[in-house]
Amino acid sequence: MLKDIRWTVSAFGTLSKEELHDIYKVRQQVFCVEQKCIYLDIDGQDENADHLAAWCHFQREPVAYARVVKPTSIETTLSIGRVLTIPVLRGQGLGRAVLRHAMAHASAKWPKHNLRIAAQSRLVGFYQSEGFKTIGQNYLEDGLPHIDMLLSF
């Protein structure tokens, strides 16, 4: 299955309206419907992000996704967010693959910047296995426990 995946990295302005629609749809399915969480998914960060998506022949929406929010003059740390894998493909290494694609993209494009993630607390071990370290304390974000994590390049 994983060999049939087509990976793309796109700046916001280069996404077609269909791609953007499909990305928003899968993000809402995972983060809002599946996790029963009401929040504004379209948060103003997408326009300042590169969008990594894994596309497969059996559905229109991406099967895995992450966004890399670019550093700014105010926020000099890169951020990876909205990391997801569709439920039917979980447990096959796709989550790790999309995270590694995002990390590789970030380190290649912005080699002198640290990488931050607001991790759901239940996923700390997963992110630690990829080199992230927890910083700060647990907090609630959109009703779910989170903790900030940092990866230094």
Protein backbone atom coordinates (compact mmCIF):
# COMPACT_ATOMS: atom_id res chain seq x y z
CA MET A 1 0.00 0.00 0.00
CA LEU A 2 2.67 2.54 1.00
CA LYS A 3 4.49 2.08 -2.30
CA ASP A 4 1.46 3.49 -4.17
CA ILE A 5 1.61 6.83 -2.35
CA ARG A 6 2.49 10.06 -4.15
CA TRP A 7 4.05 12.70 -1.89
CA THR A 8 3.69 16.40 -2.58
CA VAL A 9 4.98 19.54 -0.90
CA SER A 10 3.12 22.70 -1.83
CA ALA A 11 3.11 26.31 -0.78
CA PHE A 12 -0.39 27.53 -0.01
CA GLY A 13 -0.61 29.64 -3.17
CA THR A 14 0.25 26.70 -5.40
CA LEU A 15 -2.46 24.36 -4.10
CA SER A 16 -5.39 23.98 -6.46
CA LYS A 17 -8.80 24.74 -5.01
CA GLU A 18 -9.58 21.01 -5.20
CA GLU A 19 -6.40 20.07 -3.30
CA LEU A 20 -7.10 22.68 -0.64
CA HIS A 21 -10.69 21.47 -0.31
CA ASP A 22 -9.51 17.86 0.07
CA ILE A 23 -6.88 18.83 2.67
CA TYR A 24 -9.42 20.78 4.71
CA LYS A 25 -11.90 17.91 4.45
CA VAL A 26 -9.48 15.28 5.81
CA ARG A 27 -8.26 17.64 8.56
CA GLN A 28 -11.85 18.20 9.67
CA GLN A 29 -12.60 14.46 9.55
CA VAL A 30 -9.64 13.63 11.78
CA PHE A 31 -9.37 16.59 14.14
CA CYS A 32 -12.99 17.72 14.46
CA VAL A 33 -15.22 14.70 13.80
CA GLU A 34 -13.04 11.77 14.92
CA GLN A 35 -11.60 13.54 17.96
CA LYS A 36 -14.93 15.22 18.73
CA CYS A 37 -13.21 18.58 18.99
CA ILE A 38 -14.77 21.88 18.03
CA TYR A 39 -12.17 24.43 16.98
CA LEU A 40 -11.23 26.66 14.08
CA ASP A 41 -9.13 24.44 11.85
CA ILE A 42 -8.60 27.29 9.39
CA ASP A 43 -6.51 29.31 11.82
CA GLY A 44 -4.67 31.81 9.64
CA GLN A 45 -1.47 29.74 9.52
CA ASP A 46 -2.08 27.88 6.25
CA GLU A 47 -1.03 30.79 4.06
CA ASN A 48 2.37 30.87 5.81
CA ALA A 49 2.92 27.12 5.54
CA ASP A 50 4.15 24.42 3.22
CA HIS A 51 1.67 21.56 2.95
CA LEU A 52 2.94 17.98 2.79
CA ALA A 53 0.40 15.48 1.56
CA ALA A 54 0.38 11.79 0.76
CA TRP A 55 -2.06 10.96 -2.02
CA CYS A 56 -3.27 7.49 -2.95
CA HIS A 57 -5.45 6.13 -5.75
CA PHE A 58 -8.29 4.86 -3.56
CA GLN A 59 -9.56 8.19 -2.28
CA ARG A 60 -9.64 11.83 -3.25
CA GLU A 61 -8.39 13.26 0.07
CA PRO A 62 -4.79 12.83 1.23
CA VAL A 63 -4.15 9.70 3.29
CA ALA A 64 -1.56 11.53 5.42
CA TYR A 65 -0.77 15.19 5.87
CA ALA A 66 1.30 17.72 7.80
CA ARG A 67 1.97 21.41 7.47
CA VAL A 68 5.23 23.20 8.13
CA VAL A 69 4.61 26.76 9.28
CA LYS A 70 7.46 28.97 8.15
CA PRO A 71 9.45 31.15 10.56
CA THR A 72 8.62 34.85 10.66
CA SER A 73 10.30 37.93 12.05
CA ILE A 74 8.16 37.47 15.19
CA GLU A 75 8.23 33.67 15.51
CA THR A 76 11.68 32.41 14.48
CA THR A 77 10.94 28.75 15.25
CA LEU A 78 9.47 26.50 12.59
CA SER A 79 6.36 24.59 13.48
CA ILE A 80 4.95 21.29 12.29
CA GLY A 81 1.24 20.87 12.81
CA ARG A 82 -1.94 19.16 11.70
CA VAL A 83 -0.04 15.85 11.42
CA LEU A 84 -2.50 13.13 10.50
CA THR A 85 -3.01 9.71 8.99
CA ILE A 86 -6.45 8.47 7.99
CA PRO A 87 -7.79 5.77 10.35
CA VAL A 88 -7.78 2.91 7.84
CA LEU A 89 -4.01 3.27 7.26
CA ARG A 90 -2.85 3.78 10.84
CA GLY A 91 -0.32 1.33 12.22
CA GLN A 92 1.49 0.93 8.89
CA GLY A 93 4.21 3.55 9.41
CA LEU A 94 2.51 6.32 7.45
CA GLY A 95 2.38 8.71 10.42
CA ARG A 96 6.11 8.31 10.93
CA ALA A 97 6.68 8.74 7.20
CA VAL A 98 4.73 12.01 7.00
CA LEU A 99 6.51 13.34 10.11
CA ARG A 100 9.92 12.44 8.66
CA HIS A 101 9.01 14.07 5.34
CA ALA A 102 8.03 17.24 7.22
CA MET A 103 11.22 17.18 9.31
CA ALA A 104 13.42 16.64 6.25
CA HIS A 105 11.66 19.42 4.35
CA ALA A 106 12.01 21.83 7.29
CA SER A 107 15.69 21.09 7.89
CA ALA A 108 16.54 21.38 4.18
CA LYS A 109 14.65 24.62 3.61
CA TRP A 110 15.42 26.32 6.97
CA PRO A 111 18.57 24.58 8.30
CA LYS A 112 19.28 27.04 11.11
CA HIS A 113 15.85 26.94 12.76
CA ASN A 114 14.56 24.71 15.55
CA LEU A 115 11.35 22.81 14.97
CA ARG A 116 8.42 23.03 17.40
CA ILE A 117 5.31 20.93 17.65
CA ALA A 118 2.27 21.25 19.92
CA ALA A 119 1.90 17.52 20.50
CA GLN A 120 -1.15 15.81 21.87
CA SER A 121 0.10 14.40 25.16
CA ARG A 122 -0.84 10.84 24.17
CA LEU A 123 1.69 11.10 21.29
CA VAL A 124 4.73 12.27 23.28
CA GLY A 125 6.50 8.90 22.96
CA PHE A 126 6.01 8.91 19.20
CA TYR A 127 7.57 12.36 18.82
CA GLN A 128 10.36 11.56 21.31
CA SER A 129 11.29 8.56 19.16
CA GLU A 130 11.98 11.04 16.35
CA GLY A 131 14.19 13.28 18.51
CA PHE A 132 11.72 15.83 19.89
CA LYS A 133 12.08 16.87 23.55
CA THR A 134 9.27 18.13 25.73
CA ILE A 135 9.40 21.76 26.84
CA GLY A 136 7.10 23.35 29.36
CA GLN A 137 4.07 21.80 31.00
CA ASN A 138 0.96 20.04 29.75
CA TYR A 139 -1.91 22.33 28.77
CA LEU A 140 -5.33 22.02 27.23
CA GLU A 141 -5.74 23.05 23.63
CA ASP A 142 -9.16 22.67 22.08
CA GLY A 143 -10.15 20.44 25.00
CA LEU A 144 -7.28 17.95 24.52
CA PRO A 145 -4.08 17.66 26.61
CA HIS A 146 -1.03 18.94 24.73
CA ILE A 147 2.62 19.67 25.43
CA ASP A 148 5.10 21.67 23.39
CA MET A 149 8.05 19.75 22.00
CA LEU A 150 11.23 20.98 20.31
CA LEU A 151 13.67 19.44 17.85
CA SER A 152 17.01 21.19 17.42
CA PHE A 153 18.77 20.75 14.09
